[in-house]
All heavy atoms as atom14 arrays in JSON, in Angstrom:
{
  "sequence": "KGLIERISKDAKVPVIKHLDGNCHTYVDDPCDLDMALTVVDNAKTQ",
  "atom14_mask": [
    [1, 1, 1, 1, 1, 1, 1, 1, 1, 0, 0, 0, 0, 0],
    [1, 1, 1, 1, 0, 0, 0, 0, 0, 0, 0, 0, 0, 0],
    [1, 1, 1, 1, 1, 1, 1, 1, 0, 0, 0, 0, 0, 0],
    [1, 1, 1, 1, 1, 1, 1, 1, 0, 0, 0, 0, 0, 0],
    [1, 1, 1, 1, 1, 1, 1, 1, 1, 0, 0, 0, 0, 0],
    [1, 1, 1, 1, 1, 1, 1, 1, 1, 1, 1, 0, 0, 0],
    [1, 1, 1, 1, 1, 1, 1, 1, 0, 0, 0, 0, 0, 0],
    [1, 1, 1, 1, 1, 1, 0, 0, 0, 0, 0, 0, 0, 0],
    [1, 1, 1, 1, 1, 1, 1, 1, 1, 0, 0, 0, 0, 0],
    [1, 1, 1, 1, 1, 1, 1, 1, 0, 0, 0, 0, 0, 0],
    [1, 1, 1, 1, 1, 0, 0, 0, 0, 0, 0, 0, 0, 0],
    [1, 1, 1, 1, 1, 1, 1, 1, 1, 0, 0, 0, 0, 0],
    [1, 1, 1, 1, 1, 1, 1, 0, 0, 0, 0, 0, 0, 0],
    [1, 1, 1, 1, 1, 1, 1, 0, 0, 0, 0, 0, 0, 0],
    [1, 1, 1, 1, 1, 1, 1, 0, 0, 0, 0, 0, 0, 0],
    [1, 1, 1, 1, 1, 1, 1, 1, 0, 0, 0, 0, 0, 0],
    [1, 1, 1, 1, 1, 1, 1, 1, 1, 0, 0, 0, 0, 0],
    [1, 1, 1, 1, 1, 1, 1, 1, 1, 1, 0, 0, 0, 0],
    [1, 1, 1, 1, 1, 1, 1, 1, 0, 0, 0, 0, 0, 0],
    [1, 1, 1, 1, 1, 1, 1, 1, 0, 0, 0, 0, 0, 0],
    [1, 1, 1, 1, 0, 0, 0, 0, 0, 0, 0, 0, 0, 0],
    [1, 1, 1, 1, 1, 1, 1, 1, 0, 0, 0, 0, 0, 0],
    [1, 1, 1, 1, 1, 1, 0, 0, 0, 0, 0, 0, 0, 0],
    [1, 1, 1, 1, 1, 1, 1, 1, 1, 1, 0, 0, 0, 0],
    [1, 1, 1, 1, 1, 1, 1, 0, 0, 0, 0, 0, 0, 0],
    [1, 1, 1, 1, 1, 1, 1, 1, 1, 1, 1, 1, 0, 0],
    [1, 1, 1, 1, 1, 1, 1, 0, 0, 0, 0, 0, 0, 0],
    [1, 1, 1, 1, 1, 1, 1, 1, 0, 0, 0, 0, 0, 0],
    [1, 1, 1, 1, 1, 1, 1, 1, 0, 0, 0, 0, 0, 0],
    [1, 1, 1, 1, 1, 1, 1, 0, 0, 0, 0, 0, 0, 0],
    [1, 1, 1, 1, 1, 1, 0, 0, 0, 0, 0, 0, 0, 0],
    [1, 1, 1, 1, 1, 1, 1, 1, 0, 0, 0, 0, 0, 0],
    [1, 1, 1, 1, 1, 1, 1, 1, 0, 0, 0, 0, 0, 0],
    [1, 1, 1, 1, 1, 1, 1, 1, 0, 0, 0, 0, 0, 0],
    [1, 1, 1, 1, 1, 1, 1, 1, 0, 0, 0, 0, 0, 0],
    [1, 1, 1, 1, 1, 0, 0, 0, 0, 0, 0, 0, 0, 0],
    [1, 1, 1, 1, 1, 1, 1, 1, 0, 0, 0, 0, 0, 0],
    [1, 1, 1, 1, 1, 1, 1, 0, 0, 0, 0, 0, 0, 0],
    [1, 1, 1, 1, 1, 1, 1, 0, 0, 0, 0, 0, 0, 0],
    [1, 1, 1, 1, 1, 1, 1, 0, 0, 0, 0, 0, 0, 0],
    [1, 1, 1, 1, 1, 1, 1, 1, 0, 0, 0, 0, 0, 0],
    [1, 1, 1, 1, 1, 1, 1, 1, 0, 0, 0, 0, 0, 0],
    [1, 1, 1, 1, 1, 0, 0, 0, 0, 0, 0, 0, 0, 0],
    [1, 1, 1, 1, 1, 1, 1, 1, 1, 0, 0, 0, 0, 0],
    [1, 1, 1, 1, 1, 1, 1, 0, 0, 0, 0, 0, 0, 0],
    [1, 1, 1, 1, 1, 1, 1, 1, 1, 0, 0, 0, 0, 0]
  ],
  "atom14_positions": [
    [[-60.8, 304.45, -24.3], [-60.15, 303.2, -23.93], [-60.82, 302.0, -24.59], [-60.14, 301.07, -25.04], [-60.17, 303.04, -22.4], [-59.32, 301.9, -21.88], [-59.25, 301.93, -20.38], [-58.34, 300.82, -19.85], [-58.21, 300.89, -18.36], [0.0, 0.0, 0.0], [0.0, 0.0, 0.0], [0.0, 0.0, 0.0], [0.0, 0.0, 0.0], [0.0, 0.0, 0.0]],
    [[-62.16, 302.03, -24.68], [-62.88, 300.91, -25.28], [-62.5, 300.71, -26.74], [-62.29, 299.58, -27.19], [0.0, 0.0, 0.0], [0.0, 0.0, 0.0], [0.0, 0.0, 0.0], [0.0, 0.0, 0.0], [0.0, 0.0, 0.0], [0.0, 0.0, 0.0], [0.0, 0.0, 0.0], [0.0, 0.0, 0.0], [0.0, 0.0, 0.0], [0.0, 0.0, 0.0]],
    [[-62.42, 301.82, -27.49], [-62.03, 301.74, -28.89], [-60.65, 301.13, -29.04], [-60.43, 300.22, -29.85], [-62.06, 303.13, -29.52], [-61.42, 303.24, -30.91], [-62.29, 302.58, -31.97], [-61.15, 304.71, -31.28], [0.0, 0.0, 0.0], [0.0, 0.0, 0.0], [0.0, 0.0, 0.0], [0.0, 0.0, 0.0], [0.0, 0.0, 0.0], [0.0, 0.0, 0.0]],
    [[-59.71, 301.64, -28.26], [-58.32, 301.21, -28.42], [-58.14, 299.76, -28.0], [-57.39, 299.0, -28.62], [-57.38, 302.17, -27.66], [-57.46, 303.55, -28.31], [-55.95, 301.66, -27.66], [-56.82, 304.66, -27.57], [0.0, 0.0, 0.0], [0.0, 0.0, 0.0], [0.0, 0.0, 0.0], [0.0, 0.0, 0.0], [0.0, 0.0, 0.0], [0.0, 0.0, 0.0]],
    [[-58.83, 299.35, -26.95], [-58.76, 297.94, -26.54], [-59.31, 297.03, -27.63], [-58.74, 295.97, -27.91], [-59.52, 297.74, -25.23], [-58.79, 298.29, -24.02], [-59.56, 298.09, -22.73], [-60.82, 297.98, -22.8], [-58.94, 298.05, -21.65], [0.0, 0.0, 0.0], [0.0, 0.0, 0.0], [0.0, 0.0, 0.0], [0.0, 0.0, 0.0], [0.0, 0.0, 0.0]],
    [[-60.41, 297.44, -28.27], [-60.99, 296.64, -29.34], [-60.02, 296.53, -30.52], [-59.8, 295.43, -31.05], [-62.31, 297.25, -29.82], [-62.91, 296.5, -31.0], [-63.85, 297.36, -31.84], [-64.11, 296.74, -33.12], [-64.77, 297.34, -34.12], [-65.25, 298.56, -33.99], [-64.94, 296.7, -35.26], [0.0, 0.0, 0.0], [0.0, 0.0, 0.0], [0.0, 0.0, 0.0]],
    [[-59.45, 297.66, -30.93], [-58.53, 297.66, -32.06], [-57.32, 296.76, -31.76], [-56.9, 295.96, -32.59], [-58.06, 299.09, -32.38], [-59.24, 299.99, -32.75], [-57.02, 299.07, -33.51], [-60.07, 299.54, -33.89], [0.0, 0.0, 0.0], [0.0, 0.0, 0.0], [0.0, 0.0, 0.0], [0.0, 0.0, 0.0], [0.0, 0.0, 0.0], [0.0, 0.0, 0.0]],
    [[-56.76, 296.92, -30.57], [-55.58, 296.15, -30.19], [-55.86, 294.66, -30.19], [-55.01, 293.85, -30.55], [-55.09, 296.6, -28.81], [-54.78, 297.98, -28.81], [0.0, 0.0, 0.0], [0.0, 0.0, 0.0], [0.0, 0.0, 0.0], [0.0, 0.0, 0.0], [0.0, 0.0, 0.0], [0.0, 0.0, 0.0], [0.0, 0.0, 0.0], [0.0, 0.0, 0.0]],
    [[-57.07, 294.29, -29.8], [-57.46, 292.88, -29.71], [-57.69, 292.26, -31.09], [-57.29, 291.12, -31.34], [-58.72, 292.76, -28.85], [-59.3, 291.34, -28.73], [-60.48, 291.33, -27.78], [-61.14, 289.97, -27.67], [-61.94, 289.63, -28.82], [0.0, 0.0, 0.0], [0.0, 0.0, 0.0], [0.0, 0.0, 0.0], [0.0, 0.0, 0.0], [0.0, 0.0, 0.0]],
    [[-58.33, 293.03, -31.99], [-58.79, 292.45, -33.25], [-57.88, 292.72, -34.45], [-58.04, 292.09, -35.5], [-60.2, 292.96, -33.58], [-61.23, 292.52, -32.54], [-60.96, 291.53, -31.82], [-62.3, 293.16, -32.46], [0.0, 0.0, 0.0], [0.0, 0.0, 0.0], [0.0, 0.0, 0.0], [0.0, 0.0, 0.0], [0.0, 0.0, 0.0], [0.0, 0.0, 0.0]],
    [[-56.95, 293.66, -34.34], [-56.15, 294.06, -35.49], [-55.24, 292.93, -35.97], [-54.68, 292.17, -35.18], [-55.32, 295.29, -35.15], [0.0, 0.0, 0.0], [0.0, 0.0, 0.0], [0.0, 0.0, 0.0], [0.0, 0.0, 0.0], [0.0, 0.0, 0.0], [0.0, 0.0, 0.0], [0.0, 0.0, 0.0], [0.0, 0.0, 0.0], [0.0, 0.0, 0.0]],
    [[-55.1, 292.84, -37.29], [-54.19, 291.88, -37.91], [-52.94, 292.56, -38.46], [-52.15, 291.94, -39.17], [-54.92, 291.11, -39.01], [-56.06, 290.24, -38.48], [-56.74, 289.45, -39.58], [-57.88, 288.61, -39.03], [-58.57, 287.82, -40.09], [0.0, 0.0, 0.0], [0.0, 0.0, 0.0], [0.0, 0.0, 0.0], [0.0, 0.0, 0.0], [0.0, 0.0, 0.0]],
    [[-52.78, 293.85, -38.15], [-51.58, 294.61, -38.49], [-51.08, 295.28, -37.22], [-51.83, 295.4, -36.24], [-51.87, 295.66, -39.59], [-52.29, 294.98, -40.88], [-52.95, 296.65, -39.15], [0.0, 0.0, 0.0], [0.0, 0.0, 0.0], [0.0, 0.0, 0.0], [0.0, 0.0, 0.0], [0.0, 0.0, 0.0], [0.0, 0.0, 0.0], [0.0, 0.0, 0.0]],
    [[-49.83, 295.72, -37.18], [-49.31, 296.37, -35.97], [-50.13, 297.6, -35.58], [-50.69, 298.29, -36.43], [-47.88, 296.76, -36.36], [-47.52, 295.82, -37.47], [-48.79, 295.57, -38.22], [0.0, 0.0, 0.0], [0.0, 0.0, 0.0], [0.0, 0.0, 0.0], [0.0, 0.0, 0.0], [0.0, 0.0, 0.0], [0.0, 0.0, 0.0], [0.0, 0.0, 0.0]],
    [[-50.18, 297.89, -34.27], [-50.96, 299.0, -33.73], [-50.05, 299.91, -32.91], [-49.3, 299.44, -32.06], [-52.12, 298.5, -32.85], [-52.92, 299.67, -32.27], [-53.04, 297.58, -33.64], [0.0, 0.0, 0.0], [0.0, 0.0, 0.0], [0.0, 0.0, 0.0], [0.0, 0.0, 0.0], [0.0, 0.0, 0.0], [0.0, 0.0, 0.0], [0.0, 0.0, 0.0]],
    [[-50.1, 301.21, -33.17], [-49.46, 302.22, -32.32], [-50.56, 302.82, -31.46], [-51.5, 303.42, -31.97], [-48.78, 303.32, -33.16], [-47.69, 302.73, -34.04], [-48.21, 304.41, -32.25], [-47.05, 303.73, -34.99], [0.0, 0.0, 0.0], [0.0, 0.0, 0.0], [0.0, 0.0, 0.0], [0.0, 0.0, 0.0], [0.0, 0.0, 0.0], [0.0, 0.0, 0.0]],
    [[-50.45, 302.67, -30.15], [-51.61, 302.99, -29.31], [-51.21, 303.62, -27.98], [-50.09, 303.53, -27.53], [-52.4, 301.71, -29.02], [-51.65, 300.69, -28.18], [-52.43, 299.43, -27.98], [-51.74, 298.44, -27.06], [-50.47, 297.94, -27.62], [0.0, 0.0, 0.0], [0.0, 0.0, 0.0], [0.0, 0.0, 0.0], [0.0, 0.0, 0.0], [0.0, 0.0, 0.0]],
    [[-52.2, 304.26, -27.36], [-52.18, 304.5, -25.92], [-53.61, 304.3, -25.42], [-54.58, 304.67, -26.08], [-51.64, 305.89, -25.56], [-52.63, 307.0, -25.63], [-52.69, 307.87, -26.69], [-53.58, 307.41, -24.76], [-53.64, 308.76, -26.47], [-54.2, 308.51, -25.32], [0.0, 0.0, 0.0], [0.0, 0.0, 0.0], [0.0, 0.0, 0.0], [0.0, 0.0, 0.0]],
    [[-53.7, 303.69, -24.25], [-55.02, 303.36, -23.71], [-55.68, 304.54, -23.01], [-56.85, 304.77, -23.15], [-54.93, 302.15, -22.77], [-54.63, 300.81, -23.45], [-54.48, 299.71, -22.43], [-55.72, 300.46, -24.44], [0.0, 0.0, 0.0], [0.0, 0.0, 0.0], [0.0, 0.0, 0.0], [0.0, 0.0, 0.0], [0.0, 0.0, 0.0], [0.0, 0.0, 0.0]],
    [[-54.95, 305.26, -22.22], [-55.51, 306.44, -21.56], [-54.39, 307.33, -21.06], [-53.21, 307.02, -21.19], [-56.46, 306.05, -20.41], [-55.89, 304.99, -19.48], [-54.65, 304.85, -19.43], [-56.67, 304.32, -18.78], [0.0, 0.0, 0.0], [0.0, 0.0, 0.0], [0.0, 0.0, 0.0], [0.0, 0.0, 0.0], [0.0, 0.0, 0.0], [0.0, 0.0, 0.0]],
    [[-54.78, 308.47, -20.51], [-53.82, 309.46, -20.06], [-54.0, 309.78, -18.58], [-54.48, 310.86, -18.24], [0.0, 0.0, 0.0], [0.0, 0.0, 0.0], [0.0, 0.0, 0.0], [0.0, 0.0, 0.0], [0.0, 0.0, 0.0], [0.0, 0.0, 0.0], [0.0, 0.0, 0.0], [0.0, 0.0, 0.0], [0.0, 0.0, 0.0], [0.0, 0.0, 0.0]],
    [[-53.64, 308.86, -17.72], [-53.65, 309.12, -16.29], [-52.32, 309.75, -15.92], [-51.37, 309.07, -15.54], [-53.9, 307.83, -15.51], [-53.89, 308.06, -14.0], [-54.1, 309.18, -13.52], [-53.66, 307.01, -13.23], [0.0, 0.0, 0.0], [0.0, 0.0, 0.0], [0.0, 0.0, 0.0], [0.0, 0.0, 0.0], [0.0, 0.0, 0.0], [0.0, 0.0, 0.0]],
    [[-52.24, 311.08, -16.04], [-50.99, 311.81, -15.86], [-50.89, 312.35, -14.42], [-51.89, 312.78, -13.85], [-50.9, 312.97, -16.85], [-51.03, 312.45, -18.59], [0.0, 0.0, 0.0], [0.0, 0.0, 0.0], [0.0, 0.0, 0.0], [0.0, 0.0, 0.0], [0.0, 0.0, 0.0], [0.0, 0.0, 0.0], [0.0, 0.0, 0.0], [0.0, 0.0, 0.0]],
    [[-49.67, 312.35, -13.89], [-49.42, 312.78, -12.52], [-48.52, 314.01, -12.49], [-47.6, 314.13, -13.31], [-48.71, 311.69, -11.71], [-49.52, 310.44, -11.52], [-49.77, 309.55, -12.55], [-50.12, 309.92, -10.41], [-50.51, 308.55, -12.08], [-50.73, 308.76, -10.8], [0.0, 0.0, 0.0], [0.0, 0.0, 0.0], [0.0, 0.0, 0.0], [0.0, 0.0, 0.0]],
    [[-48.77, 314.87, -11.53], [-47.81, 315.91, -11.16], [-47.45, 315.71, -9.69], [-48.33, 315.63, -8.83], [-48.38, 317.32, -11.37], [-48.66, 317.52, -12.77], [-47.38, 318.38, -10.93], [0.0, 0.0, 0.0], [0.0, 0.0, 0.0], [0.0, 0.0, 0.0], [0.0, 0.0, 0.0], [0.0, 0.0, 0.0], [0.0, 0.0, 0.0], [0.0, 0.0, 0.0]],
    [[-46.15, 315.64, -9.42], [-45.65, 315.44, -8.06], [-44.96, 316.71, -7.58], [-44.01, 317.2, -8.22], [-44.68, 314.26, -8.01], [-43.84, 314.22, -6.75], [-44.43, 314.18, -5.49], [-42.44, 314.21, -6.81], [-43.67, 314.15, -4.33], [-41.66, 314.18, -5.67], [-42.29, 314.15, -4.42], [-41.52, 314.14, -3.28], [0.0, 0.0, 0.0], [0.0, 0.0, 0.0]],
    [[-45.43, 317.27, -6.46], [-44.83, 318.44, -5.85], [-43.85, 317.96, -4.79], [-44.24, 317.4, -3.76], [-45.9, 319.37, -5.24], [-45.25, 320.59, -4.59], [-46.89, 319.81, -6.32], [0.0, 0.0, 0.0], [0.0, 0.0, 0.0], [0.0, 0.0, 0.0], [0.0, 0.0, 0.0], [0.0, 0.0, 0.0], [0.0, 0.0, 0.0], [0.0, 0.0, 0.0]],
    [[-42.58, 318.18, -5.03], [-41.5, 317.61, -4.23], [-41.16, 318.51, -3.03], [-41.58, 319.67, -2.95], [-40.27, 317.42, -5.13], [-39.14, 316.65, -4.47], [-39.42, 315.71, -3.68], [-37.97, 316.97, -4.77], [0.0, 0.0, 0.0], [0.0, 0.0, 0.0], [0.0, 0.0, 0.0], [0.0, 0.0, 0.0], [0.0, 0.0, 0.0], [0.0, 0.0, 0.0]],
    [[-40.41, 317.98, -2.14], [-39.79, 318.72, -1.05], [-38.28, 318.61, -1.2], [-37.75, 317.5, -1.09], [-40.23, 318.14, 0.31], [-39.61, 318.86, 1.5], [-39.11, 319.98, 1.34], [-39.61, 318.27, 2.61], [0.0, 0.0, 0.0], [0.0, 0.0, 0.0], [0.0, 0.0, 0.0], [0.0, 0.0, 0.0], [0.0, 0.0, 0.0], [0.0, 0.0, 0.0]],
    [[-37.58, 319.72, -1.57], [-38.02, 321.12, -1.63], [-38.61, 321.48, -2.99], [-38.31, 320.84, -4.0], [-36.71, 321.87, -1.38], [-35.67, 321.01, -2.07], [-36.12, 319.58, -1.83], [0.0, 0.0, 0.0], [0.0, 0.0, 0.0], [0.0, 0.0, 0.0], [0.0, 0.0, 0.0], [0.0, 0.0, 0.0], [0.0, 0.0, 0.0], [0.0, 0.0, 0.0]],
    [[-39.42, 322.55, -2.98], [-40.05, 323.01, -4.22], [-40.36, 324.5, -4.11], [-40.64, 325.01, -3.01], [-41.35, 322.23, -4.46], [-42.18, 322.66, -6.01], [0.0, 0.0, 0.0], [0.0, 0.0, 0.0], [0.0, 0.0, 0.0], [0.0, 0.0, 0.0], [0.0, 0.0, 0.0], [0.0, 0.0, 0.0], [0.0, 0.0, 0.0], [0.0, 0.0, 0.0]],
    [[-40.3, 325.2, -5.24], [-40.77, 326.58, -5.32], [-42.3, 326.51, -5.36], [-42.88, 326.21, -6.4], [-40.21, 327.25, -6.57], [-40.65, 328.7, -6.74], [-41.71, 329.08, -6.2], [-39.96, 329.45, -7.45], [0.0, 0.0, 0.0], [0.0, 0.0, 0.0], [0.0, 0.0, 0.0], [0.0, 0.0, 0.0], [0.0, 0.0, 0.0], [0.0, 0.0, 0.0]],
    [[-42.95, 326.8, -4.25], [-44.39, 326.59, -4.16], [-45.19, 327.57, -5.01], [-46.29, 327.24, -5.46], [-44.84, 326.65, -2.69], [-44.23, 325.57, -1.78], [-44.86, 325.64, -0.39], [-44.39, 324.17, -2.37], [0.0, 0.0, 0.0], [0.0, 0.0, 0.0], [0.0, 0.0, 0.0], [0.0, 0.0, 0.0], [0.0, 0.0, 0.0], [0.0, 0.0, 0.0]],
    [[-44.66, 328.76, -5.25], [-45.34, 329.69, -6.16], [-45.35, 329.12, -7.57], [-46.37, 329.17, -8.27], [-44.64, 331.05, -6.14], [-44.84, 331.8, -4.84], [-45.85, 331.57, -4.15], [-43.96, 332.64, -4.5], [0.0, 0.0, 0.0], [0.0, 0.0, 0.0], [0.0, 0.0, 0.0], [0.0, 0.0, 0.0], [0.0, 0.0, 0.0], [0.0, 0.0, 0.0]],
    [[-44.2, 328.57, -7.99], [-44.13, 327.93, -9.29], [-45.07, 326.74, -9.35], [-45.81, 326.55, -10.33], [-42.7, 327.48, -9.59], [-42.56, 326.69, -10.91], [-41.03, 325.74, -11.04], [-41.31, 324.44, -9.82], [0.0, 0.0, 0.0], [0.0, 0.0, 0.0], [0.0, 0.0, 0.0], [0.0, 0.0, 0.0], [0.0, 0.0, 0.0], [0.0, 0.0, 0.0]],
    [[-45.06, 325.93, -8.3], [-45.89, 324.74, -8.27], [-47.37, 325.09, -8.37], [-48.14, 324.4, -9.05], [-45.63, 323.94, -6.99], [0.0, 0.0, 0.0], [0.0, 0.0, 0.0], [0.0, 0.0, 0.0], [0.0, 0.0, 0.0], [0.0, 0.0, 0.0], [0.0, 0.0, 0.0], [0.0, 0.0, 0.0], [0.0, 0.0, 0.0], [0.0, 0.0, 0.0]],
    [[-47.77, 326.16, -7.72], [-49.16, 326.59, -7.79], [-49.57, 326.9, -9.23], [-50.62, 326.47, -9.7], [-49.37, 327.82, -6.9], [-50.82, 328.24, -6.64], [-51.51, 327.24, -5.73], [-50.86, 329.65, -6.01], [0.0, 0.0, 0.0], [0.0, 0.0, 0.0], [0.0, 0.0, 0.0], [0.0, 0.0, 0.0], [0.0, 0.0, 0.0], [0.0, 0.0, 0.0]],
    [[-48.72, 327.63, -9.93], [-49.0, 328.0, -11.32], [-49.03, 326.78, -12.22], [-49.92, 326.62, -13.06], [-47.95, 329.0, -11.82], [-47.97, 330.18, -11.01], [-48.21, 329.39, -13.27], [0.0, 0.0, 0.0], [0.0, 0.0, 0.0], [0.0, 0.0, 0.0], [0.0, 0.0, 0.0], [0.0, 0.0, 0.0], [0.0, 0.0, 0.0], [0.0, 0.0, 0.0]],
    [[-48.04, 325.89, -12.06], [-47.92, 324.73, -12.95], [-49.06, 323.74, -12.72], [-49.66, 323.24, -13.68], [-46.54, 324.05, -12.78], [-46.49, 322.75, -13.58], [-45.43, 324.98, -13.23], [0.0, 0.0, 0.0], [0.0, 0.0, 0.0], [0.0, 0.0, 0.0], [0.0, 0.0, 0.0], [0.0, 0.0, 0.0], [0.0, 0.0, 0.0], [0.0, 0.0, 0.0]],
    [[-49.36, 323.44, -11.47], [-50.43, 322.48, -11.18], [-51.78, 323.01, -11.67], [-52.58, 322.27, -12.27], [-50.49, 322.15, -9.67], [-51.73, 321.3, -9.37], [-49.23, 321.42, -9.23], [0.0, 0.0, 0.0], [0.0, 0.0, 0.0], [0.0, 0.0, 0.0], [0.0, 0.0, 0.0], [0.0, 0.0, 0.0], [0.0, 0.0, 0.0], [0.0, 0.0, 0.0]],
    [[-52.03, 324.29, -11.45], [-53.26, 324.91, -11.95], [-53.36, 324.74, -13.46], [-54.41, 324.32, -13.98], [-53.26, 326.4, -11.57], [-54.51, 327.13, -12.05], [-55.53, 326.48, -12.33], [-54.46, 328.38, -12.12], [0.0, 0.0, 0.0], [0.0, 0.0, 0.0], [0.0, 0.0, 0.0], [0.0, 0.0, 0.0], [0.0, 0.0, 0.0], [0.0, 0.0, 0.0]],
    [[-52.3, 325.04, -14.18], [-52.3, 324.9, -15.64], [-52.46, 323.44, -16.06], [-53.24, 323.13, -16.97], [-51.01, 325.47, -16.21], [-50.93, 325.33, -17.73], [-50.38, 324.35, -18.25], [-51.48, 326.29, -18.44], [0.0, 0.0, 0.0], [0.0, 0.0, 0.0], [0.0, 0.0, 0.0], [0.0, 0.0, 0.0], [0.0, 0.0, 0.0], [0.0, 0.0, 0.0]],
    [[-51.73, 322.55, -15.4], [-51.73, 321.14, -15.79], [-53.11, 320.52, -15.65], [-53.48, 319.62, -16.41], [-50.71, 320.37, -14.96], [0.0, 0.0, 0.0], [0.0, 0.0, 0.0], [0.0, 0.0, 0.0], [0.0, 0.0, 0.0], [0.0, 0.0, 0.0], [0.0, 0.0, 0.0], [0.0, 0.0, 0.0], [0.0, 0.0, 0.0], [0.0, 0.0, 0.0]],
    [[-53.89, 321.0, -14.66], [-55.22, 320.44, -14.45], [-56.32, 321.23, -15.13], [-57.21, 320.66, -15.76], [-55.53, 320.36, -12.95], [-56.94, 319.8, -12.68], [-57.06, 318.37, -13.22], [-58.46, 317.94, -13.54], [-58.53, 316.57, -14.14], [0.0, 0.0, 0.0], [0.0, 0.0, 0.0], [0.0, 0.0, 0.0], [0.0, 0.0, 0.0], [0.0, 0.0, 0.0]],
    [[-56.29, 322.57, -15.07], [-57.47, 323.35, -15.44], [-57.38, 324.09, -16.76], [-58.39, 324.64, -17.21], [-57.82, 324.37, -14.33], [-56.85, 325.45, -14.33], [-57.85, 323.72, -12.97], [0.0, 0.0, 0.0], [0.0, 0.0, 0.0], [0.0, 0.0, 0.0], [0.0, 0.0, 0.0], [0.0, 0.0, 0.0], [0.0, 0.0, 0.0], [0.0, 0.0, 0.0]],
    [[-56.19, 324.14, -17.4], [-56.1, 324.86, -18.67], [-57.08, 324.29, -19.68], [-57.69, 325.01, -20.46], [-54.66, 324.81, -19.2], [-54.4, 325.77, -20.37], [-54.53, 325.08, -21.72], [-54.45, 323.86, -21.84], [-54.7, 325.86, -22.76], [0.0, 0.0, 0.0], [0.0, 0.0, 0.0], [0.0, 0.0, 0.0], [0.0, 0.0, 0.0], [0.0, 0.0, 0.0]]
  ]
}
């Protein structure tokens, strides 16, 4: 994040950026909980 903030602040040409990856997984009601267990495990721990 520090690098990207610095570049975005100081650059004199256009910047294609992302600052960080705070990604969410939402387990809804209703949901296939067996599927959710597999997907959440992969999304976090793979």
